[in-house]
């Protein structure tokens, strides 16, 4: 799966899980997540990870998760790409 497809999937999952109104939150790769989107709290992170695991059909070990992965759409996409490559 290429980077563009991964980013598109991550963006779609974020918008769906966070119930973002696409007219008010246009998610781009450089969109900051932590501290920028009020809906993106600790419970949302768990929901996003669960949804991404289902979407990409993989399991992410807890020790792989870090705050850096959730800084932006791009960092989360890169994290998912790394996970896919390691599976």
N, C-alpha and C. Protein backbone atom coordinates (compact mmCIF):
# COMPACT_ATOMS: atom_id res chain seq x y z
N UNK A 1 0.85 -1.17 0.00
CA UNK A 1 0.00 0.00 0.00
C UNK A 1 0.89 1.24 0.00
N UNK A 2 0.58 2.20 -0.87
CA UNK A 2 1.43 3.38 -0.97
C UNK A 2 1.08 4.44 0.09
N UNK A 3 1.97 5.39 0.25
CA UNK A 3 1.83 6.43 1.27
C UNK A 3 0.54 7.22 1.10
N UNK A 4 0.19 7.55 -0.12
CA UNK A 4 -1.02 8.33 -0.38
C UNK A 4 -2.27 7.57 0.07
N UNK A 5 -2.32 6.28 -0.20
CA UNK A 5 -3.46 5.45 0.21
C UNK A 5 -3.56 5.34 1.72
N UNK A 6 -2.40 5.17 2.35
CA UNK A 6 -2.38 5.08 3.82
C UNK A 6 -2.87 6.39 4.43
N UNK A 7 -2.38 7.52 3.92
CA UNK A 7 -2.80 8.82 4.44
C UNK A 7 -4.30 9.04 4.23
N UNK A 8 -4.81 8.65 3.08
CA UNK A 8 -6.25 8.79 2.81
C UNK A 8 -7.07 7.95 3.78
N UNK A 9 -6.61 6.74 4.05
CA UNK A 9 -7.32 5.87 4.98
C UNK A 9 -7.26 6.41 6.40
N UNK A 10 -6.09 6.87 6.82
CA UNK A 10 -5.93 7.45 8.16
C UNK A 10 -6.84 8.67 8.31
N UNK A 11 -6.86 9.53 7.32
CA UNK A 11 -7.70 10.73 7.34
C UNK A 11 -9.18 10.36 7.45
N UNK A 12 -9.58 9.38 6.69
CA UNK A 12 -10.98 8.93 6.71
C UNK A 12 -11.36 8.36 8.07
N UNK A 13 -10.47 7.54 8.64
CA UNK A 13 -10.74 6.95 9.95
C UNK A 13 -10.82 8.04 11.01
N UNK A 14 -9.90 8.98 10.98
CA UNK A 14 -9.93 10.09 11.95
C UNK A 14 -11.24 10.86 11.86
N UNK A 15 -11.64 11.22 10.66
CA UNK A 15 -12.88 12.00 10.47
C UNK A 15 -14.08 11.21 10.98
N UNK A 16 -14.10 9.92 10.70
CA UNK A 16 -15.24 9.10 11.13
C UNK A 16 -15.27 8.91 12.64
N UNK A 17 -14.15 8.50 13.22
CA UNK A 17 -14.11 8.22 14.65
C UNK A 17 -14.35 9.48 15.47
N UNK A 18 -13.77 10.59 15.02
CA UNK A 18 -13.92 11.85 15.76
C UNK A 18 -15.20 12.59 15.41
N UNK A 19 -15.97 12.05 14.47
CA UNK A 19 -17.21 12.69 14.01
C UNK A 19 -16.97 14.13 13.62
N UNK A 20 -15.93 14.34 12.84
CA UNK A 20 -15.57 15.70 12.42
C UNK A 20 -16.44 16.15 11.26
N UNK A 21 -16.90 17.37 11.35
CA UNK A 21 -17.62 17.99 10.25
C UNK A 21 -16.58 18.42 9.23
N UNK A 22 -16.59 17.77 8.09
CA UNK A 22 -15.54 18.02 7.10
C UNK A 22 -15.51 19.48 6.62
N UNK A 23 -16.60 20.21 6.78
CA UNK A 23 -16.59 21.62 6.38
C UNK A 23 -15.77 22.47 7.34
N UNK A 24 -15.66 22.02 8.59
CA UNK A 24 -14.93 22.80 9.58
C UNK A 24 -13.55 22.23 9.90
N UNK A 25 -13.32 20.99 9.60
CA UNK A 25 -12.03 20.35 9.87
C UNK A 25 -11.54 19.66 8.60
N UNK A 26 -10.80 20.37 7.82
CA UNK A 26 -10.21 19.78 6.62
C UNK A 26 -8.87 19.16 7.04
N UNK A 27 -8.85 17.85 7.16
CA UNK A 27 -7.64 17.16 7.60
C UNK A 27 -6.65 17.04 6.45
N UNK A 28 -5.48 17.56 6.66
CA UNK A 28 -4.38 17.50 5.71
C UNK A 28 -3.22 16.80 6.41
N UNK A 29 -2.23 16.33 5.67
CA UNK A 29 -1.09 15.68 6.33
C UNK A 29 -0.44 16.53 7.42
N UNK A 30 -0.41 17.84 7.24
CA UNK A 30 0.23 18.70 8.25
C UNK A 30 -0.71 19.13 9.37
N UNK A 31 -1.94 18.62 9.38
CA UNK A 31 -2.89 18.95 10.45
C UNK A 31 -2.39 18.36 11.77
N UNK A 32 -2.22 19.22 12.75
CA UNK A 32 -1.80 18.77 14.07
C UNK A 32 -3.01 18.14 14.78
N UNK A 33 -2.77 17.07 15.51
CA UNK A 33 -3.85 16.36 16.19
C UNK A 33 -3.86 16.65 17.69
N UNK A 34 -2.83 16.20 18.40
CA UNK A 34 -2.79 16.39 19.85
C UNK A 34 -2.78 17.88 20.20
N UNK A 35 -3.71 18.29 21.00
CA UNK A 35 -3.79 19.68 21.43
C UNK A 35 -4.44 20.61 20.43
N UNK A 36 -4.72 20.14 19.23
CA UNK A 36 -5.31 20.99 18.20
C UNK A 36 -6.79 20.68 17.96
N UNK A 37 -7.15 19.42 18.06
CA UNK A 37 -8.54 19.01 17.83
C UNK A 37 -9.12 18.58 19.17
N UNK A 38 -10.09 19.35 19.71
CA UNK A 38 -10.63 19.04 21.04
C UNK A 38 -11.19 17.62 21.16
N UNK A 39 -11.73 17.10 20.07
CA UNK A 39 -12.30 15.75 20.11
C UNK A 39 -11.24 14.66 20.23
N UNK A 40 -9.98 15.00 19.98
CA UNK A 40 -8.89 14.03 19.98
C UNK A 40 -8.31 13.91 21.39
N UNK A 41 -9.03 13.17 22.24
CA UNK A 41 -8.59 12.95 23.61
C UNK A 41 -8.13 11.50 23.78
N UNK A 42 -7.83 11.11 25.00
CA UNK A 42 -7.29 9.76 25.23
C UNK A 42 -8.25 8.66 24.81
N UNK A 43 -9.53 8.85 25.02
CA UNK A 43 -10.51 7.85 24.60
C UNK A 43 -10.58 7.79 23.08
N UNK A 44 -10.47 8.92 22.43
CA UNK A 44 -10.50 8.95 20.97
C UNK A 44 -9.28 8.24 20.39
N UNK A 45 -8.12 8.38 21.05
CA UNK A 45 -6.92 7.71 20.58
C UNK A 45 -7.13 6.20 20.56
N UNK A 46 -7.73 5.67 21.63
CA UNK A 46 -8.00 4.23 21.69
C UNK A 46 -8.94 3.83 20.55
N UNK A 47 -9.97 4.63 20.32
CA UNK A 47 -10.92 4.33 19.24
C UNK A 47 -10.27 4.41 17.87
N UNK A 48 -9.40 5.38 17.68
CA UNK A 48 -8.70 5.53 16.40
C UNK A 48 -7.78 4.34 16.16
N UNK A 49 -7.03 3.94 17.17
CA UNK A 49 -6.13 2.79 17.02
C UNK A 49 -6.93 1.53 16.69
N UNK A 50 -8.02 1.32 17.39
CA UNK A 50 -8.87 0.15 17.13
C UNK A 50 -9.39 0.16 15.70
N UNK A 51 -9.87 1.30 15.26
CA UNK A 51 -10.40 1.42 13.90
C UNK A 51 -9.30 1.22 12.86
N UNK A 52 -8.10 1.75 13.11
CA UNK A 52 -6.99 1.56 12.17
C UNK A 52 -6.56 0.10 12.12
N UNK A 53 -6.53 -0.56 13.27
CA UNK A 53 -6.19 -1.99 13.29
C UNK A 53 -7.18 -2.79 12.46
N UNK A 54 -8.46 -2.47 12.59
CA UNK A 54 -9.47 -3.17 11.80
C UNK A 54 -9.34 -2.85 10.32
N UNK A 55 -9.15 -1.59 10.00
CA UNK A 55 -9.06 -1.15 8.60
C UNK A 55 -7.86 -1.77 7.88
N UNK A 56 -6.72 -1.80 8.57
CA UNK A 56 -5.50 -2.32 7.97
C UNK A 56 -5.26 -3.80 8.27
N UNK A 57 -6.17 -4.39 9.04
CA UNK A 57 -6.10 -5.81 9.39
C UNK A 57 -4.75 -6.17 10.02
N UNK A 58 -4.41 -5.46 11.08
CA UNK A 58 -3.20 -5.74 11.83
C UNK A 58 -3.42 -5.45 13.30
N UNK A 59 -2.47 -5.90 14.11
CA UNK A 59 -2.53 -5.63 15.54
C UNK A 59 -1.28 -4.84 15.92
N UNK A 60 -1.50 -3.73 16.59
CA UNK A 60 -0.40 -2.87 16.98
C UNK A 60 -0.04 -3.16 18.43
N UNK A 61 1.17 -3.62 18.69
CA UNK A 61 1.58 -3.88 20.07
C UNK A 61 1.59 -2.59 20.88
N UNK A 62 1.13 -2.68 22.13
CA UNK A 62 1.06 -1.49 22.99
C UNK A 62 2.39 -0.78 23.11
N UNK A 63 3.48 -1.55 23.15
CA UNK A 63 4.80 -0.93 23.33
C UNK A 63 5.24 -0.12 22.11
N UNK A 64 4.55 -0.29 20.99
CA UNK A 64 4.86 0.48 19.77
C UNK A 64 4.22 1.88 19.79
N UNK A 65 3.21 2.06 20.63
CA UNK A 65 2.46 3.32 20.66
C UNK A 65 3.22 4.39 21.42
N UNK A 66 3.26 5.59 20.85
CA UNK A 66 3.88 6.73 21.52
C UNK A 66 3.14 8.00 21.12
N UNK A 67 3.31 9.03 21.93
CA UNK A 67 2.65 10.30 21.65
C UNK A 67 3.10 10.89 20.32
N UNK A 68 4.34 10.64 19.93
CA UNK A 68 4.86 11.18 18.68
C UNK A 68 4.05 10.72 17.47
N UNK A 69 3.51 9.52 17.54
CA UNK A 69 2.72 9.00 16.42
C UNK A 69 1.43 9.79 16.22
N UNK A 70 0.97 10.44 17.27
CA UNK A 70 -0.31 11.14 17.21
C UNK A 70 -0.18 12.66 17.12
N UNK A 71 1.00 13.15 16.78
CA UNK A 71 1.20 14.59 16.68
C UNK A 71 0.46 15.19 15.51
N UNK A 72 0.45 14.50 14.37
CA UNK A 72 -0.18 15.05 13.17
C UNK A 72 -0.73 13.91 12.32
N UNK A 73 -1.47 14.27 11.30
CA UNK A 73 -1.98 13.26 10.36
C UNK A 73 -0.79 12.57 9.69
N UNK A 74 0.23 13.33 9.32
CA UNK A 74 1.41 12.76 8.66
C UNK A 74 2.14 11.79 9.58
N UNK A 75 2.33 12.15 10.84
CA UNK A 75 3.05 11.26 11.76
C UNK A 75 2.26 9.98 12.01
N UNK A 76 0.95 10.08 12.08
CA UNK A 76 0.12 8.89 12.26
C UNK A 76 0.15 8.02 11.00
N UNK A 77 0.15 8.64 9.85
CA UNK A 77 0.25 7.89 8.59
C UNK A 77 1.59 7.18 8.48
N UNK A 78 2.67 7.87 8.85
CA UNK A 78 4.00 7.26 8.83
C UNK A 78 4.07 6.09 9.81
N UNK A 79 3.49 6.26 10.97
CA UNK A 79 3.45 5.20 11.97
C UNK A 79 2.72 3.97 11.41
N UNK A 80 1.58 4.21 10.74
CA UNK A 80 0.83 3.09 10.18
C UNK A 80 1.61 2.42 9.07
N UNK A 81 2.33 3.19 8.26
CA UNK A 81 3.14 2.61 7.20
C UNK A 81 4.22 1.72 7.80
N UNK A 82 4.85 2.16 8.86
CA UNK A 82 5.87 1.35 9.54
C UNK A 82 5.25 0.06 10.08
N UNK A 83 4.06 0.17 10.65
CA UNK A 83 3.38 -1.02 11.17
C UNK A 83 3.08 -2.01 10.08
N UNK A 84 2.62 -1.50 8.95
CA UNK A 84 2.30 -2.39 7.82
C UNK A 84 3.56 -3.07 7.29
N UNK A 85 4.65 -2.33 7.24
CA UNK A 85 5.91 -2.90 6.72
C UNK A 85 6.48 -3.95 7.66
N UNK A 86 6.21 -3.82 8.95
CA UNK A 86 6.77 -4.76 9.93
C UNK A 86 5.90 -6.01 10.11
N UNK A 87 4.72 -6.03 9.52
CA UNK A 87 3.82 -7.18 9.67
C UNK A 87 4.12 -8.26 8.66
